[in-house]
Amino acid sequence: MNLIERVVEQIKNDLLVGDVEALEELLSFVPKENLIGYLPEEEWEKYENEYMCNNCGGGFIREEMDFDVNDQDLCKNCNHISFNDAPYGKE
């Protein structure tokens, strides 16, 4: 068994027990273009552009952003916290 085959085997084992932490860490080193290329082609456009939140500095896709909030572009979480004192999606 070569190294890639062994890593794939370990990833499968980790996924069976719900452990994605190591996989997420590994994927963080893969260039964005390669990650996008792995997805179905109809999803590529959704991830090709990344937007930055003016509050937390994180990178987000368009659907995760609220634009021109008091002249700032904010991720939905920062926008909700800033104006409602609760995480996005929670009451």
Protein backbone atom coordinates (compact mmCIF):
# COMPACT_ATOMS: atom_id res chain seq x y z
CA MET A 1 0.00 0.00 0.00
CA ASN A 2 1.49 3.38 -0.98
CA LEU A 3 1.29 6.53 1.14
CA ILE A 4 -1.76 8.04 -0.62
CA GLU A 5 -3.69 4.77 -0.35
CA ARG A 6 -2.84 4.56 3.37
CA VAL A 7 -3.93 8.17 3.97
CA VAL A 8 -7.21 7.55 2.12
CA GLU A 9 -7.77 4.48 4.30
CA GLN A 10 -7.16 6.54 7.46
CA ILE A 11 -9.51 9.29 6.23
CA LYS A 12 -12.24 6.68 5.69
CA ASN A 13 -11.68 5.33 9.22
CA ASP A 14 -11.81 8.83 10.70
CA LEU A 15 -15.02 9.64 8.83
CA LEU A 16 -16.65 6.45 10.09
CA VAL A 17 -16.27 7.71 13.65
CA GLY A 18 -17.17 11.30 12.76
CA ASP A 19 -13.65 12.72 13.19
CA VAL A 20 -13.06 15.37 10.51
CA GLU A 21 -10.49 17.51 12.35
CA ALA A 22 -7.40 15.92 10.77
CA LEU A 23 -9.01 15.98 7.31
CA GLU A 24 -9.88 19.66 7.64
CA GLU A 25 -6.28 20.38 8.68
CA LEU A 26 -4.95 18.43 5.70
CA LEU A 27 -7.30 20.18 3.27
CA SER A 28 -6.26 23.58 4.59
CA PHE A 29 -2.91 23.03 2.81
CA VAL A 30 -4.52 22.18 -0.56
CA PRO A 31 -4.63 25.14 -2.96
CA LYS A 32 -8.08 26.70 -3.31
CA GLU A 33 -8.17 25.92 -7.05
CA ASN A 34 -7.69 22.20 -6.35
CA LEU A 35 -10.45 22.16 -3.74
CA ILE A 36 -12.84 23.92 -6.12
CA GLY A 37 -11.88 21.51 -8.91
CA TYR A 38 -12.89 18.55 -6.74
CA LEU A 39 -16.46 19.85 -6.49
CA PRO A 40 -19.15 19.37 -9.15
CA GLU A 41 -18.58 21.91 -11.94
CA GLU A 42 -21.91 23.64 -11.32
CA GLU A 43 -20.63 24.70 -7.86
CA TRP A 44 -17.29 26.16 -9.01
CA GLU A 45 -18.54 29.72 -9.51
CA LYS A 46 -19.93 29.83 -5.98
CA TYR A 47 -16.45 29.39 -4.47
CA GLU A 48 -14.21 31.16 -6.99
CA ASN A 49 -14.66 34.58 -5.37
CA GLU A 50 -14.03 35.11 -1.69
CA TYR A 51 -15.13 38.18 0.24
CA MET A 52 -13.54 39.58 3.39
CA CYS A 53 -15.50 40.62 6.45
CA ASN A 54 -14.50 44.14 7.51
CA ASN A 55 -14.97 43.17 11.16
CA CYS A 56 -13.36 39.73 11.71
CA GLY A 57 -11.23 39.63 8.56
CA GLY A 58 -12.41 36.16 7.61
CA GLY A 59 -12.90 34.97 4.05
CA PHE A 60 -16.45 34.08 3.04
CA ILE A 61 -18.50 33.22 -0.03
CA ARG A 62 -21.17 35.67 -1.21
CA GLU A 63 -24.03 33.81 0.53
CA GLU A 64 -22.26 34.19 3.89
CA MET A 65 -21.94 37.98 3.62
CA ASP A 66 -24.12 41.04 4.19
CA PHE A 67 -22.95 43.96 2.06
CA ASP A 68 -23.04 47.69 2.79
CA VAL A 69 -24.07 47.46 6.44
CA ASN A 70 -23.40 50.98 7.69
CA ASP A 71 -20.80 51.29 4.89
CA GLN A 72 -19.16 47.95 5.84
CA ASP A 73 -19.20 44.45 4.36
CA LEU A 74 -19.79 42.00 7.21
CA CYS A 75 -20.09 38.23 7.44
CA LYS A 76 -23.56 37.21 8.61
CA ASN A 77 -22.20 36.22 12.03
CA CYS A 78 -20.51 39.59 12.67
CA ASN A 79 -23.52 41.46 11.32
CA HIS A 80 -25.85 39.59 13.65
CA ILE A 81 -23.57 39.98 16.67
CA SER A 82 -23.01 43.67 15.96
CA PHE A 83 -26.68 44.48 15.78
CA ASN A 84 -28.44 41.76 17.78
CA ASP A 85 -25.92 40.49 20.36
CA ALA A 86 -26.50 36.84 19.31
CA PRO A 87 -24.70 34.49 16.88
CA TYR A 88 -26.12 34.32 13.37
CA GLY A 89 -29.01 31.91 13.13
CA LYS A 90 -29.78 31.97 16.87
CA GLU A 91 -32.52 33.88 18.58
